[in-house]
N, C-alpha and C. Protein backbone atom coordinates (compact mmCIF):
# COMPACT_ATOMS: atom_id res chain seq x y z
N UNK A 1 9.23 67.17 -48.79
CA UNK A 1 8.85 66.78 -47.64
C UNK A 1 9.95 66.60 -46.53
N UNK A 2 9.66 67.27 -45.79
CA UNK A 2 10.37 67.68 -44.66
C UNK A 2 10.26 66.68 -43.39
N UNK A 3 11.73 65.98 -42.83
CA UNK A 3 11.61 65.23 -41.96
C UNK A 3 12.18 65.62 -40.69
N UNK A 4 11.32 65.13 -39.62
CA UNK A 4 12.06 65.86 -38.41
C UNK A 4 13.29 64.86 -37.93
N UNK A 5 14.54 65.64 -37.79
CA UNK A 5 15.54 64.69 -37.63
C UNK A 5 16.16 65.01 -36.26
N UNK A 6 15.34 65.82 -35.25
CA UNK A 6 15.83 66.02 -34.00
C UNK A 6 15.84 64.78 -33.23
N UNK A 7 16.64 64.85 -32.20
CA UNK A 7 16.78 63.59 -31.36
C UNK A 7 16.57 64.11 -29.74
N UNK A 8 16.06 63.07 -29.08
CA UNK A 8 15.60 63.65 -27.78
C UNK A 8 16.64 64.25 -27.10
N UNK A 9 18.09 63.74 -27.36
CA UNK A 9 19.19 64.49 -26.73
C UNK A 9 19.43 65.99 -27.14
N UNK A 10 18.93 66.16 -28.35
CA UNK A 10 19.19 67.58 -29.12
C UNK A 10 18.03 68.39 -28.42
N UNK A 11 17.10 68.06 -27.72
CA UNK A 11 16.16 68.83 -27.31
C UNK A 11 16.65 69.66 -25.81
N UNK A 12 16.71 70.81 -25.92
CA UNK A 12 17.10 71.40 -24.65
C UNK A 12 16.00 71.17 -23.55
N UNK A 13 14.73 71.11 -23.58
CA UNK A 13 13.94 70.84 -22.59
C UNK A 13 14.13 69.45 -21.91
N UNK A 14 14.62 68.59 -22.72
CA UNK A 14 14.80 67.07 -22.45
C UNK A 14 16.20 66.72 -21.61
N UNK A 15 17.11 67.81 -21.78
CA UNK A 15 18.37 67.58 -21.03
C UNK A 15 18.13 67.84 -19.53
N UNK A 16 18.82 66.93 -18.96
CA UNK A 16 18.83 67.12 -17.16
C UNK A 16 19.42 68.46 -16.94
N UNK A 17 19.02 68.79 -15.83
CA UNK A 17 19.65 70.28 -15.28
C UNK A 17 21.03 69.89 -14.85
N UNK A 18 21.87 70.90 -15.00
CA UNK A 18 23.32 70.74 -14.49
C UNK A 18 23.47 70.54 -12.91
N UNK A 19 24.30 69.88 -12.47
CA UNK A 19 24.23 69.37 -11.09
C UNK A 19 24.30 70.60 -10.45
N UNK A 20 23.74 70.59 -8.98
CA UNK A 20 23.72 71.61 -8.35
C UNK A 20 24.99 71.62 -7.07
N UNK A 21 25.87 72.30 -7.19
CA UNK A 21 27.05 72.13 -6.24
C UNK A 21 26.69 72.52 -5.01
N UNK A 22 25.60 73.07 -4.59
CA UNK A 22 25.11 73.33 -3.43
C UNK A 22 24.78 72.01 -2.66
N UNK A 23 24.49 70.97 -3.42
CA UNK A 23 24.06 69.79 -2.89
C UNK A 23 25.22 68.96 -2.14
N UNK A 24 26.42 69.11 -2.94
CA UNK A 24 27.76 68.60 -2.26
C UNK A 24 27.86 68.93 -1.04
N UNK A 25 27.46 70.12 -0.71
CA UNK A 25 27.64 70.77 0.75
C UNK A 25 26.86 70.34 1.56
N UNK A 26 25.49 69.99 1.27
CA UNK A 26 24.41 69.58 2.25
C UNK A 26 24.43 68.07 2.46
N UNK A 27 24.95 67.60 3.94
CA UNK A 27 24.90 66.05 4.01
C UNK A 27 23.68 65.39 4.02
N UNK A 28 22.27 65.95 4.19
CA UNK A 28 21.02 65.59 4.30
C UNK A 28 20.72 65.27 2.73
N UNK A 29 21.17 66.06 1.96
CA UNK A 29 20.80 65.70 0.43
C UNK A 29 21.45 64.46 0.01
N UNK A 30 22.84 64.68 0.58
CA UNK A 30 23.86 63.45 0.28
C UNK A 30 23.21 62.01 0.40
N UNK A 31 22.83 62.10 1.90
CA UNK A 31 22.11 60.98 2.41
C UNK A 31 21.06 60.48 1.57
N UNK A 32 19.99 61.54 1.25
CA UNK A 32 18.92 61.11 0.48
C UNK A 32 19.37 60.56 -0.90
N UNK A 33 20.24 60.97 -1.57
CA UNK A 33 20.54 60.64 -2.88
C UNK A 33 21.32 59.13 -2.86
N UNK A 34 22.01 58.74 -1.74
CA UNK A 34 22.29 57.31 -1.49
C UNK A 34 21.31 56.38 -1.29
N UNK A 35 20.25 56.75 -0.63
CA UNK A 35 19.19 56.13 -0.27
C UNK A 35 18.52 55.70 -1.53
N UNK A 36 18.28 56.69 -2.57
CA UNK A 36 17.66 56.55 -3.79
C UNK A 36 18.74 55.53 -4.71
N UNK A 37 19.93 55.71 -4.62
CA UNK A 37 20.75 54.88 -5.81
C UNK A 37 20.77 53.48 -5.41
N UNK A 38 20.56 52.91 -6.37
CA UNK A 38 20.45 51.26 -6.51
C UNK A 38 21.69 50.61 -5.93
N UNK A 39 21.38 49.73 -5.28
CA UNK A 39 22.60 48.75 -4.66
C UNK A 39 22.93 47.56 -5.51
N UNK A 40 24.12 47.58 -6.29
CA UNK A 40 24.44 46.92 -7.15
C UNK A 40 25.29 45.66 -6.77
N UNK A 41 25.46 45.58 -5.27
CA UNK A 41 26.13 44.44 -4.71
C UNK A 41 25.21 43.30 -4.76
N UNK A 42 25.83 41.93 -4.89
CA UNK A 42 25.07 40.83 -4.95
C UNK A 42 24.55 40.61 -3.68
N UNK A 43 23.09 40.10 -3.28
CA UNK A 43 22.72 39.98 -1.89
C UNK A 43 23.20 39.04 -0.92
N UNK A 44 23.55 39.26 0.27
CA UNK A 44 24.13 38.52 1.16
C UNK A 44 23.12 38.13 2.35
N UNK A 45 23.15 36.95 2.93
CA UNK A 45 22.31 37.04 4.03
C UNK A 45 22.78 37.79 5.29
N UNK A 46 23.95 37.81 5.49
CA UNK A 46 24.51 38.69 6.43
C UNK A 46 24.38 39.99 6.43
N UNK A 47 23.97 40.53 5.47
CA UNK A 47 23.45 41.94 5.14
C UNK A 47 22.32 42.24 5.24
N UNK A 48 21.20 41.29 5.49
CA UNK A 48 19.86 41.71 5.52
C UNK A 48 19.40 42.56 6.73
N UNK A 49 18.88 43.45 6.51
CA UNK A 49 18.24 44.38 7.50
C UNK A 49 16.76 44.14 7.65
N UNK A 50 16.25 43.46 8.98
CA UNK A 50 14.87 43.33 9.06
C UNK A 50 14.06 44.64 9.02
N UNK A 51 14.43 45.75 9.38
CA UNK A 51 13.73 46.68 9.33
C UNK A 51 13.08 47.30 8.13
N UNK A 52 14.11 46.76 7.09
CA UNK A 52 13.79 47.11 5.76
C UNK A 52 13.02 46.16 4.67
N UNK A 53 12.73 45.00 5.36
CA UNK A 53 11.74 44.17 4.72
C UNK A 53 10.29 44.38 4.89
N UNK A 54 9.55 44.03 3.93
CA UNK A 54 8.15 44.16 3.88
C UNK A 54 7.37 43.68 5.23
N UNK A 55 6.37 44.14 5.55
CA UNK A 55 5.90 43.66 6.63
C UNK A 55 5.24 42.28 6.49
N UNK A 56 4.84 41.83 5.14
CA UNK A 56 4.20 40.49 4.89
C UNK A 56 5.32 39.65 4.82
N UNK A 57 6.53 39.68 5.16
CA UNK A 57 7.82 38.73 4.79
C UNK A 57 7.51 37.29 5.51
N UNK A 58 7.76 36.34 4.78
CA UNK A 58 7.41 34.97 5.14
C UNK A 58 6.18 34.23 4.83
N UNK A 59 5.12 35.07 4.19
CA UNK A 59 3.88 34.92 3.63
C UNK A 59 4.03 34.36 2.12
N UNK A 60 3.32 33.48 1.88
CA UNK A 60 3.34 32.87 0.26
C UNK A 60 2.93 34.06 -0.37
N UNK A 61 3.67 34.12 -1.67
CA UNK A 61 3.33 35.08 -2.63
C UNK A 61 2.15 34.40 -3.36
N UNK A 62 1.76 33.40 -3.48
CA UNK A 62 0.68 32.60 -4.45
C UNK A 62 -0.60 32.37 -3.55
N UNK A 63 -1.11 33.57 -2.67
CA UNK A 63 -2.10 33.40 -2.15
C UNK A 63 -3.46 33.21 -2.93
N UNK A 64 -3.39 33.37 -4.10
CA UNK A 64 -4.57 33.41 -5.23
C UNK A 64 -4.39 31.84 -5.53
N UNK A 65 -3.42 31.10 -5.48
CA UNK A 65 -3.57 29.78 -6.01
C UNK A 65 -4.02 28.78 -4.56
N UNK A 66 -4.10 29.30 -3.72
CA UNK A 66 -4.30 28.44 -2.54
C UNK A 66 -5.48 27.72 -2.20
N UNK A 67 -5.66 26.54 -1.98
CA UNK A 67 -6.83 25.84 -1.88
C UNK A 67 -7.77 25.90 -0.57
N UNK A 68 -8.92 26.10 -0.67
CA UNK A 68 -9.51 26.33 0.62
C UNK A 68 -9.91 24.74 1.17
N UNK A 69 -9.50 24.36 2.38
CA UNK A 69 -9.70 23.21 2.70
C UNK A 69 -10.76 23.14 3.86
N UNK A 70 -11.44 24.11 4.10
CA UNK A 70 -12.45 24.12 5.22
C UNK A 70 -13.73 23.24 4.79
N UNK A 71 -14.37 22.78 5.46
CA UNK A 71 -15.31 21.99 5.03
C UNK A 71 -16.62 22.95 4.53
N UNK A 72 -17.52 22.36 3.92
CA UNK A 72 -18.77 23.57 3.33
C UNK A 72 -19.57 23.76 4.99
N UNK A 73 -20.28 24.78 4.54
CA UNK A 73 -21.19 25.26 5.72
C UNK A 73 -22.16 24.17 6.49
N UNK A 74 -22.74 23.41 5.32
CA UNK A 74 -23.63 22.37 5.97
C UNK A 74 -23.01 20.94 5.84
N UNK A 75 -21.79 20.81 5.94
CA UNK A 75 -21.20 19.48 6.11
C UNK A 75 -21.66 18.81 7.25
N UNK A 76 -21.82 19.24 8.54
CA UNK A 76 -21.96 18.57 9.60
C UNK A 76 -23.62 17.80 9.54
N UNK A 77 -24.33 18.66 8.96
CA UNK A 77 -25.64 18.23 8.86
C UNK A 77 -25.78 17.12 7.72
N UNK A 78 -25.23 17.34 6.76
CA UNK A 78 -25.25 16.36 5.39
C UNK A 78 -24.51 15.04 6.09
N UNK A 79 -23.33 15.23 6.44
CA UNK A 79 -22.61 14.13 6.87
C UNK A 79 -22.50 14.12 8.35
N UNK A 80 -23.34 13.64 8.96
CA UNK A 80 -23.25 13.62 10.39
C UNK A 80 -22.19 12.52 11.27
N UNK A 81 -22.02 11.44 10.56
CA UNK A 81 -21.18 10.47 11.02
C UNK A 81 -19.72 10.96 10.52
N UNK A 82 -19.36 11.81 9.78
CA UNK A 82 -18.16 11.64 8.94
C UNK A 82 -16.98 11.72 10.24
N UNK A 83 -17.16 12.71 11.00
CA UNK A 83 -16.14 12.95 11.80
C UNK A 83 -15.68 11.87 12.70
N UNK A 84 -16.55 10.86 13.11
CA UNK A 84 -16.64 9.82 13.81
C UNK A 84 -15.89 8.70 13.04
N UNK A 85 -16.20 8.76 11.56
CA UNK A 85 -15.35 7.66 10.56
C UNK A 85 -14.05 8.17 10.31
N UNK A 86 -13.65 9.56 10.44
CA UNK A 86 -12.35 10.00 10.28
C UNK A 86 -11.57 9.44 11.48
N UNK A 87 -12.14 9.55 12.76
CA UNK A 87 -11.52 9.29 13.95
C UNK A 87 -11.22 7.98 14.05
N UNK A 88 -12.29 7.06 13.46
CA UNK A 88 -11.97 5.44 13.63
C UNK A 88 -10.92 5.16 12.52
N UNK A 89 -10.80 5.76 11.41
CA UNK A 89 -9.96 5.46 10.35
C UNK A 89 -8.34 5.73 10.91
N UNK A 90 -8.30 7.23 11.54
CA UNK A 90 -6.93 7.44 12.36
C UNK A 90 -6.53 6.49 12.92
N UNK A 91 -7.63 5.88 13.89
CA UNK A 91 -6.98 5.18 15.07
C UNK A 91 -7.03 3.71 14.54
N UNK A 92 -7.53 3.20 13.47
CA UNK A 92 -7.30 2.02 12.87
C UNK A 92 -8.53 1.00 13.36
N UNK A 93 -9.42 1.52 13.70
CA UNK A 93 -10.42 0.57 14.23
C UNK A 93 -11.43 0.14 13.45
N UNK A 94 -11.25 0.88 12.05
CA UNK A 94 -12.49 0.52 11.04
C UNK A 94 -12.59 -0.79 10.72
N UNK A 95 -11.33 -1.63 10.76
CA UNK A 95 -11.44 -3.04 10.35
C UNK A 95 -11.38 -3.09 9.00
N UNK A 96 -11.04 -2.01 8.18
CA UNK A 96 -10.63 -2.46 6.80
C UNK A 96 -9.27 -2.54 6.48
N UNK A 97 -8.70 -2.41 5.26
CA UNK A 97 -7.43 -2.47 4.91
C UNK A 97 -6.66 -1.32 5.38
N UNK A 98 -5.84 -1.58 6.13
CA UNK A 98 -4.75 -0.39 6.57
C UNK A 98 -3.47 -0.33 5.79
N UNK A 99 -3.06 -1.39 5.35
CA UNK A 99 -1.87 -1.37 4.11
C UNK A 99 -2.18 -1.08 2.69
N UNK A 100 -1.93 -0.31 2.28
CA UNK A 100 -2.11 0.15 0.79
C UNK A 100 -0.92 -0.23 0.01
N UNK A 101 -1.06 -0.71 -1.12
CA UNK A 101 -0.09 -0.88 -2.18
C UNK A 101 -0.22 0.19 -3.27
N UNK A 102 0.80 0.58 -3.92
CA UNK A 102 0.46 1.45 -5.13
C UNK A 102 0.34 0.86 -6.20
N UNK A 103 -0.24 1.43 -7.25
CA UNK A 103 -0.41 0.52 -8.54
C UNK A 103 0.85 0.68 -9.21
N UNK A 104 1.21 -0.83 -9.44
CA UNK A 104 2.60 -0.89 -10.10
C UNK A 104 2.41 -2.35 -10.91
N UNK A 105 2.34 -2.11 -12.12
CA UNK A 105 2.02 -3.22 -12.85
C UNK A 105 3.22 -4.05 -13.14
N UNK A 106 4.54 -3.39 -12.93
CA UNK A 106 5.67 -4.26 -13.11
C UNK A 106 5.98 -5.23 -11.99
N UNK A 107 5.46 -4.79 -10.63
CA UNK A 107 5.64 -5.60 -9.43
C UNK A 107 4.59 -6.77 -9.81
N UNK A 108 3.20 -6.50 -10.09
CA UNK A 108 2.45 -7.39 -10.72
C UNK A 108 2.94 -8.64 -11.31
N UNK A 109 3.23 -7.92 -12.71
CA UNK A 109 4.03 -9.02 -13.39
C UNK A 109 5.00 -9.82 -12.87
N UNK A 110 5.89 -9.50 -12.15
CA UNK A 110 6.77 -10.25 -11.33
C UNK A 110 6.32 -11.34 -10.40
N UNK A 111 5.09 -10.59 -9.84
CA UNK A 111 4.46 -11.78 -8.77
C UNK A 111 3.92 -12.78 -9.40
N UNK A 112 3.46 -12.32 -10.58
CA UNK A 112 2.79 -13.62 -11.38
C UNK A 112 3.81 -14.49 -11.73
N UNK A 113 4.94 -13.98 -12.19
CA UNK A 113 6.24 -14.92 -12.91
C UNK A 113 6.61 -15.87 -11.58
N UNK A 114 6.64 -15.30 -10.44
CA UNK A 114 7.19 -16.00 -9.23
C UNK A 114 5.93 -17.18 -8.87
N UNK A 115 4.65 -16.58 -8.83
CA UNK A 115 3.28 -17.63 -8.65
C UNK A 115 3.67 -18.74 -9.80
N UNK A 116 3.78 -18.58 -10.99
CA UNK A 116 4.10 -19.37 -12.01
C UNK A 116 4.85 -20.52 -11.60
N UNK A 117 6.21 -19.89 -11.12
CA UNK A 117 7.36 -20.72 -10.68
C UNK A 117 6.90 -21.77 -9.51
N UNK A 118 5.94 -21.19 -8.60
CA UNK A 118 5.51 -22.28 -7.64
C UNK A 118 4.41 -23.28 -8.14
N UNK A 119 3.45 -22.75 -8.80
CA UNK A 119 2.47 -23.47 -9.49
C UNK A 119 2.96 -24.79 -10.18
N UNK A 120 4.06 -24.24 -11.07
CA UNK A 120 4.92 -25.86 -11.68
C UNK A 120 5.18 -26.57 -10.82
N UNK A 121 5.72 -26.40 -9.73
CA UNK A 121 6.38 -26.94 -8.84
C UNK A 121 5.18 -27.57 -8.03
N UNK A 122 3.96 -27.18 -7.95
CA UNK A 122 2.93 -27.77 -7.20
C UNK A 122 2.71 -27.28 -5.80
N UNK A 123 3.42 -26.17 -5.54
CA UNK A 123 3.33 -25.26 -4.47
C UNK A 123 2.24 -24.36 -4.49
N UNK A 124 1.09 -24.98 -4.38
CA UNK A 124 -0.25 -24.08 -4.86
C UNK A 124 -0.45 -22.90 -3.65
N UNK A 125 -0.16 -23.37 -2.41
CA UNK A 125 -0.21 -22.22 -1.37
C UNK A 125 0.59 -20.79 -1.91
N UNK A 126 1.73 -21.16 -1.87
CA UNK A 126 2.97 -20.15 -2.13
C UNK A 126 2.46 -19.41 -3.69
N UNK A 127 2.02 -20.02 -4.61
CA UNK A 127 1.59 -19.58 -5.65
C UNK A 127 0.32 -18.48 -5.62
N UNK A 128 -0.71 -19.04 -4.77
CA UNK A 128 -1.97 -18.39 -4.25
C UNK A 128 -1.54 -16.86 -3.73
N UNK A 129 -0.51 -17.09 -2.82
CA UNK A 129 0.11 -15.77 -2.34
C UNK A 129 0.28 -14.77 -3.22
N UNK A 130 1.24 -15.39 -4.02
CA UNK A 130 1.83 -14.48 -5.26
C UNK A 130 0.77 -14.11 -6.09
N UNK A 131 -0.11 -14.67 -6.59
CA UNK A 131 -1.22 -14.14 -7.32
C UNK A 131 -2.04 -13.17 -6.67
N UNK A 132 -2.22 -13.33 -5.49
CA UNK A 132 -2.94 -12.35 -4.41
C UNK A 132 -1.99 -11.03 -4.52
N UNK A 133 -0.70 -11.33 -4.39
CA UNK A 133 -0.01 -9.99 -4.45
C UNK A 133 -0.02 -9.21 -5.52
N UNK A 134 -0.04 -10.14 -6.85
CA UNK A 134 -0.08 -9.43 -8.22
C UNK A 134 -1.45 -8.58 -8.24
N UNK A 135 -2.38 -8.84 -7.44
CA UNK A 135 -3.68 -8.35 -7.49
C UNK A 135 -3.81 -7.27 -6.92
N UNK A 136 -3.17 -7.10 -5.96
CA UNK A 136 -2.88 -6.03 -4.91
C UNK A 136 -2.17 -4.97 -5.34
N UNK A 137 -1.11 -5.21 -6.40
CA UNK A 137 -0.38 -4.07 -7.22
C UNK A 137 -0.89 -3.81 -8.34
N UNK A 138 -2.07 -4.62 -9.15
CA UNK A 138 -2.62 -4.33 -10.18
C UNK A 138 -3.98 -5.10 -10.21
N UNK A 139 -4.89 -4.44 -9.52
CA UNK A 139 -6.22 -5.18 -9.69
C UNK A 139 -6.90 -5.33 -10.74
N UNK A 140 -8.11 -6.16 -11.01
CA UNK A 140 -8.52 -6.78 -12.25
C UNK A 140 -7.35 -7.15 -13.27
N UNK A 141 -6.40 -7.60 -12.89
CA UNK A 141 -5.60 -8.20 -14.10
C UNK A 141 -5.96 -9.49 -14.28
N UNK A 142 -6.12 -9.60 -15.62
CA UNK A 142 -7.00 -10.86 -16.00
C UNK A 142 -6.02 -12.25 -15.64
N UNK A 143 -4.78 -11.92 -16.22
CA UNK A 143 -3.91 -13.24 -15.94
C UNK A 143 -3.66 -13.76 -14.56
N UNK A 144 -3.47 -12.62 -13.59
CA UNK A 144 -3.42 -13.21 -12.25
C UNK A 144 -4.86 -13.60 -11.65
N UNK A 145 -5.93 -13.11 -12.22
CA UNK A 145 -7.24 -13.68 -11.64
C UNK A 145 -7.41 -14.93 -12.01
N UNK A 146 -7.13 -15.22 -13.41
CA UNK A 146 -7.43 -16.69 -13.77
C UNK A 146 -6.45 -17.69 -13.24
N UNK A 147 -5.41 -17.33 -13.29
CA UNK A 147 -4.21 -18.40 -12.57
C UNK A 147 -4.55 -18.55 -11.06
N UNK A 148 -5.07 -17.31 -10.32
CA UNK A 148 -5.45 -17.57 -8.96
C UNK A 148 -6.77 -18.40 -8.65
N UNK A 149 -7.59 -18.38 -9.64
CA UNK A 149 -8.94 -19.26 -9.65
C UNK A 149 -8.61 -20.66 -9.67
N UNK A 150 -7.58 -21.06 -10.88
CA UNK A 150 -6.94 -22.41 -10.98
C UNK A 150 -6.35 -22.89 -9.60
N UNK A 151 -5.65 -21.91 -9.05
CA UNK A 151 -4.70 -22.35 -8.13
C UNK A 151 -5.67 -22.72 -6.76
N UNK A 152 -6.79 -21.70 -6.60
CA UNK A 152 -7.68 -22.26 -5.44
C UNK A 152 -8.46 -23.34 -5.81
N UNK A 153 -8.75 -23.59 -6.95
CA UNK A 153 -9.43 -24.78 -7.33
C UNK A 153 -8.44 -26.27 -6.96
N UNK A 154 -7.09 -26.18 -7.27
CA UNK A 154 -6.42 -26.99 -6.93
C UNK A 154 -6.46 -27.34 -5.52
N UNK A 155 -6.24 -26.18 -4.67
CA UNK A 155 -6.33 -26.20 -3.41
C UNK A 155 -7.69 -26.60 -2.51
N UNK A 156 -8.68 -27.13 -3.53
CA UNK A 156 -10.12 -27.16 -3.09
C UNK A 156 -10.81 -26.12 -2.53
N UNK A 157 -10.55 -25.01 -2.66
CA UNK A 157 -11.14 -23.81 -2.04
C UNK A 157 -12.09 -23.49 -3.33
N UNK A 158 -13.11 -24.15 -3.40
CA UNK A 158 -13.97 -23.97 -4.39
C UNK A 158 -14.87 -22.70 -4.61
N UNK A 159 -15.19 -22.18 -3.33
CA UNK A 159 -16.20 -21.00 -3.31
C UNK A 159 -15.20 -19.63 -3.77
N UNK A 160 -13.94 -19.74 -3.27
CA UNK A 160 -13.18 -18.60 -3.86
C UNK A 160 -12.94 -18.86 -5.33
N UNK A 161 -12.63 -19.84 -5.63
CA UNK A 161 -12.15 -20.22 -7.08
C UNK A 161 -13.51 -20.02 -7.77
N UNK A 162 -14.67 -20.24 -7.62
CA UNK A 162 -15.88 -19.76 -8.48
C UNK A 162 -15.71 -18.18 -8.42
N UNK A 163 -15.49 -17.46 -7.36
CA UNK A 163 -15.32 -15.97 -7.40
C UNK A 163 -14.65 -15.50 -8.30
N UNK A 164 -13.27 -16.08 -8.46
CA UNK A 164 -12.24 -15.66 -9.42
C UNK A 164 -12.49 -15.92 -10.61
N UNK A 165 -13.17 -16.82 -11.00
CA UNK A 165 -13.49 -17.51 -12.43
C UNK A 165 -14.45 -16.17 -12.85
N UNK A 166 -15.53 -16.00 -11.88
CA UNK A 166 -16.53 -14.96 -12.12
C UNK A 166 -15.97 -13.78 -12.44
N UNK A 167 -14.73 -13.29 -11.70
CA UNK A 167 -14.18 -11.96 -11.76
C UNK A 167 -13.41 -11.93 -13.09
N UNK A 168 -12.81 -13.08 -13.58
CA UNK A 168 -12.11 -13.07 -14.82
C UNK A 168 -13.13 -13.06 -16.05
N UNK A 169 -14.36 -13.50 -15.90
CA UNK A 169 -15.20 -13.29 -16.86
C UNK A 169 -15.89 -11.93 -17.01
N UNK A 170 -15.71 -11.40 -16.04
CA UNK A 170 -16.25 -9.91 -15.98
C UNK A 170 -15.13 -8.98 -16.55
N UNK A 171 -13.86 -9.24 -16.27
CA UNK A 171 -12.94 -8.53 -16.69
C UNK A 171 -12.61 -8.66 -18.41
N UNK A 172 -12.51 -9.97 -18.57
CA UNK A 172 -12.51 -10.49 -20.06
C UNK A 172 -13.57 -11.44 -20.67
N UNK A 173 -14.66 -10.87 -20.95
CA UNK A 173 -15.81 -11.81 -20.97
C UNK A 173 -15.60 -12.92 -22.49
N UNK A 174 -14.84 -12.25 -23.45
CA UNK A 174 -14.48 -13.03 -24.50
C UNK A 174 -13.03 -13.21 -24.39
N UNK A 175 -12.20 -13.37 -23.26
CA UNK A 175 -10.84 -13.42 -23.21
C UNK A 175 -10.30 -14.83 -23.97
N UNK A 176 -8.95 -14.98 -24.01
CA UNK A 176 -8.41 -16.05 -24.31
C UNK A 176 -8.70 -17.63 -23.64
N UNK A 177 -9.21 -17.28 -22.39
CA UNK A 177 -9.39 -18.38 -21.46
C UNK A 177 -11.00 -18.34 -20.81
N UNK A 178 -11.62 -17.40 -21.51
CA UNK A 178 -13.11 -17.23 -21.00
C UNK A 178 -14.00 -18.65 -21.17
N UNK A 179 -13.95 -19.12 -22.29
CA UNK A 179 -14.41 -20.56 -22.56
C UNK A 179 -14.13 -21.66 -21.45
N UNK A 180 -12.99 -21.46 -21.13
CA UNK A 180 -12.43 -22.57 -20.05
C UNK A 180 -13.03 -22.00 -18.87
N UNK A 181 -13.07 -20.89 -18.58
CA UNK A 181 -13.54 -20.29 -17.19
C UNK A 181 -14.90 -20.47 -17.01
N UNK A 182 -15.73 -20.24 -18.26
CA UNK A 182 -17.10 -20.68 -18.07
C UNK A 182 -17.41 -21.94 -17.77
N UNK A 183 -16.52 -22.97 -18.35
CA UNK A 183 -16.68 -24.39 -18.06
C UNK A 183 -16.50 -24.69 -16.55
N UNK A 184 -15.56 -24.12 -16.12
CA UNK A 184 -15.19 -24.13 -14.51
C UNK A 184 -16.21 -23.43 -13.64
N UNK A 185 -16.73 -22.16 -14.20
CA UNK A 185 -17.78 -21.57 -13.22
C UNK A 185 -18.95 -21.52 -13.97
N UNK A 186 -20.10 -22.44 -13.56
CA UNK A 186 -21.35 -22.52 -13.99
C UNK A 186 -22.06 -22.05 -12.71
N UNK A 187 -22.72 -20.78 -12.89
CA UNK A 187 -23.65 -20.08 -11.77
C UNK A 187 -24.74 -21.22 -11.75
N UNK A 188 -25.23 -22.09 -12.45
CA UNK A 188 -26.57 -23.02 -12.15
C UNK A 188 -26.12 -24.35 -11.87
N UNK A 189 -24.94 -24.95 -12.39
CA UNK A 189 -24.74 -26.14 -12.17
C UNK A 189 -23.44 -26.35 -11.23
N UNK A 190 -23.05 -25.29 -10.89
CA UNK A 190 -21.51 -25.42 -9.96
C UNK A 190 -20.44 -25.69 -10.81
N UNK A 191 -19.12 -25.70 -9.92
CA UNK A 191 -17.93 -26.09 -10.82
C UNK A 191 -17.79 -27.34 -11.03
N UNK A 192 -17.04 -27.71 -12.27
CA UNK A 192 -16.73 -28.96 -12.63
C UNK A 192 -15.91 -29.79 -11.64
N UNK A 193 -15.28 -28.86 -10.56
CA UNK A 193 -14.52 -29.49 -9.56
C UNK A 193 -15.35 -30.26 -8.58
N UNK A 194 -16.46 -29.83 -8.29
CA UNK A 194 -17.57 -30.14 -7.32
C UNK A 194 -17.90 -31.63 -7.50
N UNK A 195 -18.05 -31.71 -8.86
CA UNK A 195 -18.61 -33.31 -9.05
C UNK A 195 -17.43 -34.09 -9.77
N UNK A 196 -16.46 -33.69 -9.28
CA UNK A 196 -15.04 -34.58 -9.85
C UNK A 196 -14.54 -33.80 -11.07
N UNK A 197 -13.31 -33.15 -11.08
CA UNK A 197 -12.64 -32.55 -11.91
C UNK A 197 -12.51 -33.05 -13.09
N UNK A 198 -12.94 -32.65 -13.99
CA UNK A 198 -12.83 -33.41 -15.41
C UNK A 198 -11.75 -32.96 -16.20
N UNK A 199 -10.91 -32.04 -15.75
CA UNK A 199 -9.47 -31.70 -16.33
C UNK A 199 -9.71 -30.39 -17.26
N UNK A 200 -11.03 -29.94 -17.57
CA UNK A 200 -11.38 -28.77 -18.65
C UNK A 200 -10.77 -27.34 -18.40
N UNK A 201 -10.54 -27.38 -17.09
CA UNK A 201 -10.05 -25.93 -16.35
C UNK A 201 -8.83 -25.66 -16.99
N UNK A 202 -8.56 -24.21 -16.95
CA UNK A 202 -7.25 -23.90 -17.25
C UNK A 202 -6.48 -24.20 -16.38
N UNK A 203 -5.24 -24.33 -16.80
CA UNK A 203 -3.75 -24.61 -15.91
C UNK A 203 -3.53 -26.11 -15.81
């Protein structure tokens, strides 16, 4: 069995042609050879030639991943009031909440801790503010909700207290303070505080 032991460099057809001495004498051919030769110098901003740049310079190279933000064709017909609502929101005329807090459970826990500090010193108004702040940073927080309910009851704001007890029962219907919250919030008989606080409510 014979094996082919020839290498590409041994093949006379694969060898490059010998250099032509006439190219040295022709300056046009020398310029063409220089243009084809790669530039191995590192790029520098002061050497950029604008005429050598592509015509699409400055355009994003990721056109395929761009998101189309234009509205759908029938958007104005389906949502006729959307432009007015956007204009009102930008102008701040909607009357809604303009200040947004990011979701931050650490700040919420700190606000509850400070609220507890005020609550123990019977400063219920300051405690209420801190519990509400906690709920802005972490809405549907069961601890802040139940403590806000107790605080509101201490302040005599019974309708709001009832709403917070109800919120707690929605968040944790079988939570550790659900039985106490149910005693304070009674959708049929009202709160225990309305007929004289019995001391059964948490806090």
